[in-house]
């Protein structure tokens, strides 16, 4: 593997976001796999962690890396849809993380 140093502060931020998103997604995937193997072994619900919230948080961070909601190169209609999706995720995740 070749380590390429970041070119600027924005790339540093995006790389940090990518690491955080991958971590959230990996933890959620591990819990989903645990449930698939062991079943509902927890009295409070099927999962020992907030799987949906972790996956949505990972998606939100991936969106930020990609420049959502206003990334250049998108048609105005697509930008509007992305703004709505991103805004809904931010609102849903408020106070969670």
PDB file of N, CA and C in Angstrom:
ATOM      1  N   UNK A   1       0.841  -1.179   0.000  1.00  0.00           N
ATOM      2  CA  UNK A   1       0.000   0.000   0.000  1.00  0.00           C
ATOM      3  C   UNK A   1       0.887   1.243   0.000  1.00  0.00           C
ATOM      4  N   UNK A   2       0.495   2.207  -0.782  1.00  0.00           N
ATOM      5  CA  UNK A   2       1.251   3.447  -0.892  1.00  0.00           C
ATOM      6  C   UNK A   2       0.507   4.529  -0.128  1.00  0.00           C
ATOM      7  N   UNK A   3       1.193   5.167   0.794  1.00  0.00           N
ATOM      8  CA  UNK A   3       0.615   6.303   1.511  1.00  0.00           C
ATOM      9  C   UNK A   3       0.915   7.572   0.733  1.00  0.00           C
ATOM     10  N   UNK A   4      -0.131   8.259   0.342  1.00  0.00           N
ATOM     11  CA  UNK A   4       0.016   9.525  -0.364  1.00  0.00           C
ATOM     12  C   UNK A   4      -0.377  10.629   0.596  1.00  0.00           C
ATOM     13  N   UNK A   5       0.534  11.546   0.871  1.00  0.00           N
ATOM     14  CA  UNK A   5       0.195  12.615   1.820  1.00  0.00           C
ATOM     15  C   UNK A   5      -0.907  13.514   1.266  1.00  0.00           C
ATOM     16  N   UNK A   6      -1.747  14.019   2.151  1.00  0.00           N
ATOM     17  CA  UNK A   6      -2.815  14.923   1.708  1.00  0.00           C
ATOM     18  C   UNK A   6      -2.224  16.206   1.137  1.00  0.00           C
ATOM     19  N   UNK A   7      -2.932  16.759   0.160  1.00  0.00           N
ATOM     20  CA  UNK A   7      -2.449  17.958  -0.513  1.00  0.00           C
ATOM     21  C   UNK A   7      -2.833  19.242   0.205  1.00  0.00           C
ATOM     22  N   UNK A   8      -3.920  19.198   1.002  1.00  0.00           N
ATOM     23  CA  UNK A   8      -4.374  20.411   1.678  1.00  0.00           C
ATOM     24  C   UNK A   8      -5.238  20.036   2.880  1.00  0.00           C
ATOM     25  N   UNK A   9      -5.674  21.046   3.614  1.00  0.00           N
ATOM     26  CA  UNK A   9      -6.476  20.820   4.816  1.00  0.00           C
ATOM     27  C   UNK A   9      -7.831  20.182   4.501  1.00  0.00           C
ATOM     28  N   UNK A  10      -8.420  20.527   3.368  1.00  0.00           N
ATOM     29  CA  UNK A  10      -9.713  19.939   2.995  1.00  0.00           C
ATOM     30  C   UNK A  10      -9.562  18.432   2.789  1.00  0.00           C
ATOM     31  N   UNK A  11      -8.465  18.012   2.187  1.00  0.00           N
ATOM     32  CA  UNK A  11      -8.246  16.582   1.987  1.00  0.00           C
ATOM     33  C   UNK A  11      -7.996  15.877   3.316  1.00  0.00           C
ATOM     34  N   UNK A  12      -7.300  16.532   4.228  1.00  0.00           N
ATOM     35  CA  UNK A  12      -7.091  15.965   5.566  1.00  0.00           C
ATOM     36  C   UNK A  12      -8.442  15.732   6.235  1.00  0.00           C
ATOM     37  N   UNK A  13      -9.321  16.745   6.158  1.00  0.00           N
ATOM     38  CA  UNK A  13     -10.659  16.629   6.756  1.00  0.00           C
ATOM     39  C   UNK A  13     -11.441  15.486   6.109  1.00  0.00           C
ATOM     40  N   UNK A  14     -11.401  15.403   4.784  1.00  0.00           N
ATOM     41  CA  UNK A  14     -12.132  14.349   4.086  1.00  0.00           C
ATOM     42  C   UNK A  14     -11.591  12.963   4.425  1.00  0.00           C
ATOM     43  N   UNK A  15     -10.294  12.840   4.568  1.00  0.00           N
ATOM     44  CA  UNK A  15      -9.721  11.548   4.944  1.00  0.00           C
ATOM     45  C   UNK A  15     -10.145  11.159   6.359  1.00  0.00           C
ATOM     46  N   UNK A  16     -10.157  12.144   7.251  1.00  0.00           N
ATOM     47  CA  UNK A  16     -10.610  11.874   8.621  1.00  0.00           C
ATOM     48  C   UNK A  16     -12.079  11.452   8.631  1.00  0.00           C
ATOM     49  N   UNK A  17     -12.895  12.127   7.831  1.00  0.00           N
ATOM     50  CA  UNK A  17     -14.313  11.750   7.716  1.00  0.00           C
ATOM     51  C   UNK A  17     -14.459  10.340   7.156  1.00  0.00           C
ATOM     52  N   UNK A  18     -13.641   9.996   6.169  1.00  0.00           N
ATOM     53  CA  UNK A  18     -13.711   8.664   5.573  1.00  0.00           C
ATOM     54  C   UNK A  18     -13.356   7.586   6.594  1.00  0.00           C
ATOM     55  N   UNK A  19     -12.371   7.853   7.431  1.00  0.00           N
ATOM     56  CA  UNK A  19     -11.996   6.899   8.480  1.00  0.00           C
ATOM     57  C   UNK A  19     -13.142   6.745   9.482  1.00  0.00           C
ATOM     58  N   UNK A  20     -13.727   7.858   9.885  1.00  0.00           N
ATOM     59  CA  UNK A  20     -14.841   7.813  10.843  1.00  0.00           C
ATOM     60  C   UNK A  20     -16.043   7.088  10.247  1.00  0.00           C
ATOM     61  N   UNK A  21     -16.345   7.347   8.974  1.00  0.00           N
ATOM     62  CA  UNK A  21     -17.470   6.681   8.312  1.00  0.00           C
ATOM     63  C   UNK A  21     -17.227   5.184   8.222  1.00  0.00           C
ATOM     64  N   UNK A  22     -16.022   4.802   7.846  1.00  0.00           N
ATOM     65  CA  UNK A  22     -15.695   3.379   7.746  1.00  0.00           C
ATOM     66  C   UNK A  22     -15.794   2.698   9.103  1.00  0.00           C
ATOM     67  N   UNK A  23     -15.378   3.378  10.153  1.00  0.00           N
ATOM     68  CA  UNK A  23     -15.450   2.824  11.500  1.00  0.00           C
ATOM     69  C   UNK A  23     -16.897   2.602  11.929  1.00  0.00           C
ATOM     70  N   UNK A  24     -17.754   3.599  11.696  1.00  0.00           N
ATOM     71  CA  UNK A  24     -19.175   3.465  12.045  1.00  0.00           C
ATOM     72  C   UNK A  24     -19.811   2.320  11.272  1.00  0.00           C
ATOM     73  N   UNK A  25     -19.545   2.274   9.974  1.00  0.00           N
ATOM     74  CA  UNK A  25     -20.137   1.234   9.133  1.00  0.00           C
ATOM     75  C   UNK A  25     -19.629  -0.147   9.537  1.00  0.00           C
ATOM     76  N   UNK A  26     -18.343  -0.258   9.846  1.00  0.00           N
ATOM     77  CA  UNK A  26     -17.769  -1.551  10.229  1.00  0.00           C
ATOM     78  C   UNK A  26     -18.379  -2.063  11.533  1.00  0.00           C
ATOM     79  N   UNK A  27     -18.565  -1.160  12.497  1.00  0.00           N
ATOM     80  CA  UNK A  27     -19.162  -1.566  13.768  1.00  0.00           C
ATOM     81  C   UNK A  27     -20.606  -2.029  13.566  1.00  0.00           C
ATOM     82  N   UNK A  28     -21.345  -1.300  12.738  1.00  0.00           N
ATOM     83  CA  UNK A  28     -22.730  -1.698  12.453  1.00  0.00           C
ATOM     84  C   UNK A  28     -22.772  -3.035  11.717  1.00  0.00           C
ATOM     85  N   UNK A  29     -21.895  -3.219  10.757  1.00  0.00           N
ATOM     86  CA  UNK A  29     -21.849  -4.490  10.014  1.00  0.00           C
ATOM     87  C   UNK A  29     -21.486  -5.647  10.936  1.00  0.00           C
ATOM     88  N   UNK A  30     -20.566  -5.418  11.854  1.00  0.00           N
ATOM     89  CA  UNK A  30     -20.191  -6.466  12.808  1.00  0.00           C
ATOM     90  C   UNK A  30     -21.387  -6.861  13.665  1.00  0.00           C
ATOM     91  N   UNK A  31     -22.171  -5.883  14.076  1.00  0.00           N
ATOM     92  CA  UNK A  31     -23.346  -6.178  14.886  1.00  0.00           C
ATOM     93  C   UNK A  31     -24.405  -6.919  14.068  1.00  0.00           C
ATOM     94  N   UNK A  32     -24.579  -6.535  12.820  1.00  0.00           N
ATOM     95  CA  UNK A  32     -25.515  -7.253  11.948  1.00  0.00           C
ATOM     96  C   UNK A  32     -25.073  -8.706  11.768  1.00  0.00           C
ATOM     97  N   UNK A  33     -23.789  -8.931  11.587  1.00  0.00           N
ATOM     98  CA  UNK A  33     -23.273 -10.295  11.446  1.00  0.00           C
ATOM     99  C   UNK A  33     -23.437 -11.078  12.751  1.00  0.00           C
ATOM    100  N   UNK A  34     -23.214 -10.414  13.890  1.00  0.00           N
ATOM    101  CA  UNK A  34     -23.409 -11.075  15.184  1.00  0.00           C
ATOM    102  C   UNK A  34     -24.853 -11.534  15.321  1.00  0.00           C
ATOM    103  N   UNK A  35     -25.778 -10.651  14.962  1.00  0.00           N
ATOM    104  CA  UNK A  35     -27.192 -10.999  15.040  1.00  0.00           C
ATOM    105  C   UNK A  35     -27.526 -12.154  14.096  1.00  0.00           C
ATOM    106  N   UNK A  36     -26.960 -12.147  12.902  1.00  0.00           N
ATOM    107  CA  UNK A  36     -27.224 -13.219  11.932  1.00  0.00           C
ATOM    108  C   UNK A  36     -26.734 -14.567  12.460  1.00  0.00           C
ATOM    109  N   UNK A  37     -25.615 -14.574  13.167  1.00  0.00           N
ATOM    110  CA  UNK A  37     -25.057 -15.816  13.713  1.00  0.00           C
ATOM    111  C   UNK A  37     -25.748 -16.250  14.994  1.00  0.00           C
ATOM    112  N   UNK A  38     -25.994 -15.293  15.900  1.00  0.00           N
ATOM    113  CA  UNK A  38     -26.431 -15.638  17.252  1.00  0.00           C
ATOM    114  C   UNK A  38     -27.907 -15.376  17.511  1.00  0.00           C
ATOM    115  N   UNK A  39     -28.536 -14.576  16.679  1.00  0.00           N
ATOM    116  CA  UNK A  39     -29.931 -14.238  16.915  1.00  0.00           C
ATOM    117  C   UNK A  39     -30.086 -13.157  17.966  1.00  0.00           C
ATOM    118  N   UNK A  40     -31.307 -13.023  18.431  1.00  0.00           N
ATOM    119  CA  UNK A  40     -31.657 -11.975  19.384  1.00  0.00           C
ATOM    120  C   UNK A  40     -31.280 -12.413  20.788  1.00  0.00           C
ATOM    121  N   UNK A  41     -30.059 -12.127  21.173  1.00  0.00           N
ATOM    122  CA  UNK A  41     -29.604 -12.494  22.508  1.00  0.00           C
ATOM    123  C   UNK A  41     -29.656 -11.354  23.493  1.00  0.00           C
ATOM    124  N   UNK A  42     -30.250 -10.249  23.096  1.00  0.00           N
ATOM    125  CA  UNK A  42     -30.291  -9.056  23.930  1.00  0.00           C
ATOM    126  C   UNK A  42     -31.741  -8.786  24.318  1.00  0.00           C
ATOM    127  N   UNK A  43     -31.968  -8.483  25.566  1.00  0.00           N
ATOM    128  CA  UNK A  43     -33.338  -8.283  26.048  1.00  0.00           C
ATOM    129  C   UNK A  43     -33.962  -6.976  25.555  1.00  0.00           C
ATOM    130  N   UNK A  44     -33.133  -6.016  25.141  1.00  0.00           N
ATOM    131  CA  UNK A  44     -33.654  -4.711  24.740  1.00  0.00           C
ATOM    132  C   UNK A  44     -33.954  -4.607  23.258  1.00  0.00           C
ATOM    133  N   UNK A  45     -33.693  -5.624  22.490  1.00  0.00           N
ATOM    134  CA  UNK A  45     -33.915  -5.607  21.047  1.00  0.00           C
ATOM    135  C   UNK A  45     -32.909  -6.499  20.356  1.00  0.00           C
ATOM    136  N   UNK A  46     -32.955  -6.538  19.051  1.00  0.00           N
ATOM    137  CA  UNK A  46     -32.086  -7.467  18.335  1.00  0.00           C
ATOM    138  C   UNK A  46     -30.609  -7.082  18.353  1.00  0.00           C
ATOM    139  N   UNK A  47     -30.298  -5.819  18.559  1.00  0.00           N
ATOM    140  CA  UNK A  47     -28.914  -5.368  18.450  1.00  0.00           C
ATOM    141  C   UNK A  47     -28.392  -4.807  19.770  1.00  0.00           C
ATOM    142  N   UNK A  48     -27.088  -4.923  19.964  1.00  0.00           N
ATOM    143  CA  UNK A  48     -26.460  -4.354  21.159  1.00  0.00           C
ATOM    144  C   UNK A  48     -26.004  -2.919  20.932  1.00  0.00           C
ATOM    145  N   UNK A  49     -26.156  -2.437  19.707  1.00  0.00           N
ATOM    146  CA  UNK A  49     -25.782  -1.068  19.371  1.00  0.00           C
ATOM    147  C   UNK A  49     -26.844  -0.496  18.425  1.00  0.00           C
ATOM    148  N   UNK A  50     -26.795   0.776  18.174  1.00  0.00           N
ATOM    149  CA  UNK A  50     -27.783   1.432  17.312  1.00  0.00           C
ATOM    150  C   UNK A  50     -27.348   1.311  15.853  1.00  0.00           C
ATOM    151  N   UNK A  51     -27.631   0.168  15.263  1.00  0.00           N
ATOM    152  CA  UNK A  51     -27.153  -0.177  13.923  1.00  0.00           C
ATOM    153  C   UNK A  51     -27.626   0.826  12.875  1.00  0.00           C
ATOM    154  N   UNK A  52     -28.896   1.146  12.864  1.00  0.00           N
ATOM    155  CA  UNK A  52     -29.434   2.048  11.841  1.00  0.00           C
ATOM    156  C   UNK A  52     -28.780   3.418  11.940  1.00  0.00           C
ATOM    157  N   UNK A  53     -28.670   3.943  13.152  1.00  0.00           N
ATOM    158  CA  UNK A  53     -28.065   5.248  13.339  1.00  0.00           C
ATOM    159  C   UNK A  53     -26.600   5.242  12.904  1.00  0.00           C
ATOM    160  N   UNK A  54     -25.880   4.170  13.220  1.00  0.00           N
ATOM    161  CA  UNK A  54     -24.476   4.092  12.810  1.00  0.00           C
ATOM    162  C   UNK A  54     -24.344   4.071  11.292  1.00  0.00           C
ATOM    163  N   UNK A  55     -25.194   3.310  10.608  1.00  0.00           N
ATOM    164  CA  UNK A  55     -25.130   3.259   9.149  1.00  0.00           C
ATOM    165  C   UNK A  55     -25.516   4.598   8.530  1.00  0.00           C
ATOM    166  N   UNK A  56     -26.526   5.248   9.088  1.00  0.00           N
ATOM    167  CA  UNK A  56     -26.916   6.566   8.576  1.00  0.00           C
ATOM    168  C   UNK A  56     -25.827   7.605   8.824  1.00  0.00           C
ATOM    169  N   UNK A  57     -25.176   7.528   9.979  1.00  0.00           N
ATOM    170  CA  UNK A  57     -24.072   8.447  10.271  1.00  0.00           C
ATOM    171  C   UNK A  57     -22.926   8.214   9.297  1.00  0.00           C
ATOM    172  N   UNK A  58     -22.634   6.964   9.004  1.00  0.00           N
ATOM    173  CA  UNK A  58     -21.583   6.648   8.030  1.00  0.00           C
ATOM    174  C   UNK A  58     -21.961   7.200   6.655  1.00  0.00           C
ATOM    175  N   UNK A  59     -23.228   7.053   6.283  1.00  0.00           N
ATOM    176  CA  UNK A  59     -23.685   7.585   4.998  1.00  0.00           C
ATOM    177  C   UNK A  59     -23.567   9.104   4.963  1.00  0.00           C
ATOM    178  N   UNK A  60     -23.926   9.765   6.062  1.00  0.00           N
ATOM    179  CA  UNK A  60     -23.828  11.229   6.125  1.00  0.00           C
ATOM    180  C   UNK A  60     -22.386  11.687   5.948  1.00  0.00           C
ATOM    181  N   UNK A  61     -21.467  11.012   6.623  1.00  0.00           N
ATOM    182  CA  UNK A  61     -20.060  11.389   6.489  1.00  0.00           C
ATOM    183  C   UNK A  61     -19.543  11.129   5.073  1.00  0.00           C
ATOM    184  N   UNK A  62     -19.970  10.027   4.457  1.00  0.00           N
ATOM    185  CA  UNK A  62     -19.574   9.742   3.076  1.00  0.00           C
ATOM    186  C   UNK A  62     -20.118  10.825   2.139  1.00  0.00           C
ATOM    187  N   UNK A  63     -21.340  11.282   2.408  1.00  0.00           N
ATOM    188  CA  UNK A  63     -21.917  12.369   1.614  1.00  0.00           C
ATOM    189  C   UNK A  63     -21.058  13.626   1.730  1.00  0.00           C
ATOM    190  N   UNK A  64     -20.610  13.918   2.944  1.00  0.00           N
ATOM    191  CA  UNK A  64     -19.786  15.106   3.157  1.00  0.00           C
ATOM    192  C   UNK A  64     -18.461  14.995   2.406  1.00  0.00           C
ATOM    193  N   UNK A  65     -17.871  13.806   2.384  1.00  0.00           N
ATOM    194  CA  UNK A  65     -16.637  13.601   1.629  1.00  0.00           C
ATOM    195  C   UNK A  65     -16.881  13.860   0.142  1.00  0.00           C
ATOM    196  N   UNK A  66     -18.044  13.445  -0.351  1.00  0.00           N
ATOM    197  CA  UNK A  66     -18.380  13.633  -1.761  1.00  0.00           C
ATOM    198  C   UNK A  66     -18.853  15.053  -2.094  1.00  0.00           C
ATOM    199  N   UNK A  67     -18.980  15.908  -1.089  1.00  0.00           N
ATOM    200  CA  UNK A  67     -19.381  17.287  -1.342  1.00  0.00           C
ATOM    201  C   UNK A  67     -20.872  17.532  -1.293  1.00  0.00           C
ATOM    202  N   UNK A  68     -21.628  16.586  -0.718  1.00  0.00           N
ATOM    203  CA  UNK A  68     -23.063  16.802  -0.572  1.00  0.00           C
ATOM    204  C   UNK A  68     -23.280  17.956   0.377  1.00  0.00           C
ATOM    205  N   UNK A  69     -24.364  18.651   0.280  1.00  0.00           N
ATOM    206  CA  UNK A  69     -25.422  18.475  -0.691  1.00  0.00           C
ATOM    207  C   UNK A  69     -25.221  19.294  -1.955  1.00  0.00           C
ATOM    208  N   UNK A  70     -24.251  20.193  -1.972  1.00  0.00           N
ATOM    209  CA  UNK A  70     -24.170  21.157  -3.076  1.00  0.00           C
ATOM    210  C   UNK A  70     -22.997  20.905  -4.002  1.00  0.00           C
ATOM    211  N   UNK A  71     -22.500  19.686  -4.067  1.00  0.00           N
ATOM    212  CA  UNK A  71     -21.355  19.396  -4.918  1.00  0.00           C
ATOM    213  C   UNK A  71     -21.543  19.893  -6.337  1.00  0.00           C
ATOM    214  N   UNK A  72     -20.465  20.345  -6.925  1.00  0.00           N
ATOM    215  CA  UNK A  72     -20.553  20.870  -8.285  1.00  0.00           C
ATOM    216  C   UNK A  72     -20.754  19.732  -9.274  1.00  0.00           C
ATOM    217  N   UNK A  73     -21.258  20.069 -10.426  1.00  0.00           N
ATOM    218  CA  UNK A  73     -21.452  19.078 -11.468  1.00  0.00           C
ATOM    219  C   UNK A  73     -22.811  18.402 -11.450  1.00  0.00           C
ATOM    220  N   UNK A  74     -23.686  18.791 -10.527  1.00  0.00           N
ATOM    221  CA  UNK A  74     -25.009  18.189 -10.457  1.00  0.00           C
ATOM    222  C   UNK A  74     -26.038  19.140 -11.034  1.00  0.00           C
ATOM    223  N   UNK A  75     -27.046  18.580 -11.640  1.00  0.00           N
ATOM    224  CA  UNK A  75     -28.171  19.367 -12.133  1.00  0.00           C
ATOM    225  C   UNK A  75     -28.895  19.987 -10.934  1.00  0.00           C
ATOM    226  N   UNK A  76     -29.556  21.111 -11.128  1.00  0.00           N
ATOM    227  CA  UNK A  76     -30.262  21.750 -10.010  1.00  0.00           C
ATOM    228  C   UNK A  76     -31.250  20.816  -9.309  1.00  0.00           C
ATOM    229  N   UNK A  77     -31.955  19.977 -10.066  1.00  0.00           N
ATOM    230  CA  UNK A  77     -32.917  19.056  -9.458  1.00  0.00           C
ATOM    231  C   UNK A  77     -32.200  18.059  -8.553  1.00  0.00           C
ATOM    232  N   UNK A  78     -31.057  17.578  -9.009  1.00  0.00           N
ATOM    233  CA  UNK A  78     -30.276  16.618  -8.226  1.00  0.00           C
ATOM    234  C   UNK A  78     -29.740  17.284  -6.968  1.00  0.00           C
ATOM    235  N   UNK A  79     -29.284  18.521  -7.096  1.00  0.00           N
ATOM    236  CA  UNK A  79     -28.801  19.253  -5.913  1.00  0.00           C
ATOM    237  C   UNK A  79     -29.903  19.397  -4.882  1.00  0.00           C
ATOM    238  N   UNK A  80     -31.119  19.706  -5.338  1.00  0.00           N
ATOM    239  CA  UNK A  80     -32.254  19.863  -4.427  1.00  0.00           C
ATOM    240  C   UNK A  80     -32.557  18.545  -3.722  1.00  0.00           C
ATOM    241  N   UNK A  81     -32.558  17.442  -4.458  1.00  0.00           N
ATOM    242  CA  UNK A  81     -32.805  16.136  -3.851  1.00  0.00           C
ATOM    243  C   UNK A  81     -31.726  15.808  -2.831  1.00  0.00           C
ATOM    244  N   UNK A  82     -30.478  16.068  -3.191  1.00  0.00           N
ATOM    245  CA  UNK A  82     -29.368  15.802  -2.274  1.00  0.00           C
ATOM    246  C   UNK A  82     -29.472  16.664  -1.018  1.00  0.00           C
ATOM    247  N   UNK A  83     -29.870  17.919  -1.193  1.00  0.00           N
ATOM    248  CA  UNK A  83     -30.045  18.807  -0.044  1.00  0.00           C
ATOM    249  C   UNK A  83     -31.118  18.257   0.888  1.00  0.00           C
ATOM    250  N   UNK A  84     -32.213  17.767   0.333  1.00  0.00           N
ATOM    251  CA  UNK A  84     -33.295  17.222   1.150  1.00  0.00           C
ATOM    252  C   UNK A  84     -32.847  15.964   1.883  1.00  0.00           C
ATOM    253  N   UNK A  85     -32.174  15.068   1.188  1.00  0.00           N
ATOM    254  CA  UNK A  85     -31.715  13.818   1.813  1.00  0.00           C
ATOM    255  C   UNK A  85     -30.710  14.119   2.913  1.00  0.00           C
ATOM    256  N   UNK A  86     -29.734  14.952   2.603  1.00  0.00           N
ATOM    257  CA  UNK A  86     -28.701  15.290   3.591  1.00  0.00           C
ATOM    258  C   UNK A  86     -29.330  15.984   4.798  1.00  0.00           C
ATOM    259  N   UNK A  87     -30.220  16.923   4.538  1.00  0.00           N
ATOM    260  CA  UNK A  87     -30.879  17.638   5.638  1.00  0.00           C
ATOM    261  C   UNK A  87     -31.688  16.708   6.525  1.00  0.00           C
ATOM    262  N   UNK A  88     -32.382  15.760   5.910  1.00  0.00           N
ATOM    263  CA  UNK A  88     -33.163  14.793   6.691  1.00  0.00           C
ATOM    264  C   UNK A  88     -32.248  13.936   7.564  1.00  0.00           C
ATOM    265  N   UNK A  89     -31.114  13.528   7.030  1.00  0.00           N
ATOM    266  CA  UNK A  89     -30.169  12.739   7.833  1.00  0.00           C
ATOM    267  C   UNK A  89     -29.625  13.552   9.002  1.00  0.00           C
ATOM    268  N   UNK A  90     -29.228  14.771   8.727  1.00  0.00           N
ATOM    269  CA  UNK A  90     -28.698  15.638   9.795  1.00  0.00           C
ATOM    270  C   UNK A  90     -29.748  15.816  10.894  1.00  0.00           C
ATOM    271  N   UNK A  91     -30.973  16.077  10.505  1.00  0.00           N
ATOM    272  CA  UNK A  91     -32.048  16.261  11.477  1.00  0.00           C
ATOM    273  C   UNK A  91     -32.285  14.984  12.270  1.00  0.00           C
ATOM    274  N   UNK A  92     -32.338  13.846  11.581  1.00  0.00           N
ATOM    275  CA  UNK A  92     -32.571  12.557  12.241  1.00  0.00           C
ATOM    276  C   UNK A  92     -31.473  12.244  13.259  1.00  0.00           C
ATOM    277  N   UNK A  93     -30.230  12.569  12.901  1.00  0.00           N
ATOM    278  CA  UNK A  93     -29.084  12.217  13.752  1.00  0.00           C
ATOM    279  C   UNK A  93     -28.778  13.254  14.836  1.00  0.00           C
ATOM    280  N   UNK A  94     -29.498  14.382  14.835  1.00  0.00           N
ATOM    281  CA  UNK A  94     -29.252  15.418  15.856  1.00  0.00           C
ATOM    282  C   UNK A  94     -29.338  14.816  17.246  1.00  0.00           C
ATOM    283  N   UNK A  95     -28.333  15.079  18.040  1.00  0.00           N
ATOM    284  CA  UNK A  95     -28.318  14.604  19.418  1.00  0.00           C
ATOM    285  C   UNK A  95     -27.956  13.146  19.574  1.00  0.00           C
ATOM    286  N   UNK A  96     -27.775  12.437  18.475  1.00  0.00           N
ATOM    287  CA  UNK A  96     -27.431  11.015  18.576  1.00  0.00           C
ATOM    288  C   UNK A  96     -25.952  10.803  18.800  1.00  0.00           C
ATOM    289  N   UNK A  97     -25.132  11.414  17.963  1.00  0.00           N
ATOM    290  CA  UNK A  97     -23.698  11.111  17.980  1.00  0.00           C
ATOM    291  C   UNK A  97     -22.967  11.802  19.096  1.00  0.00           C
TER     292      UNK A  97
END
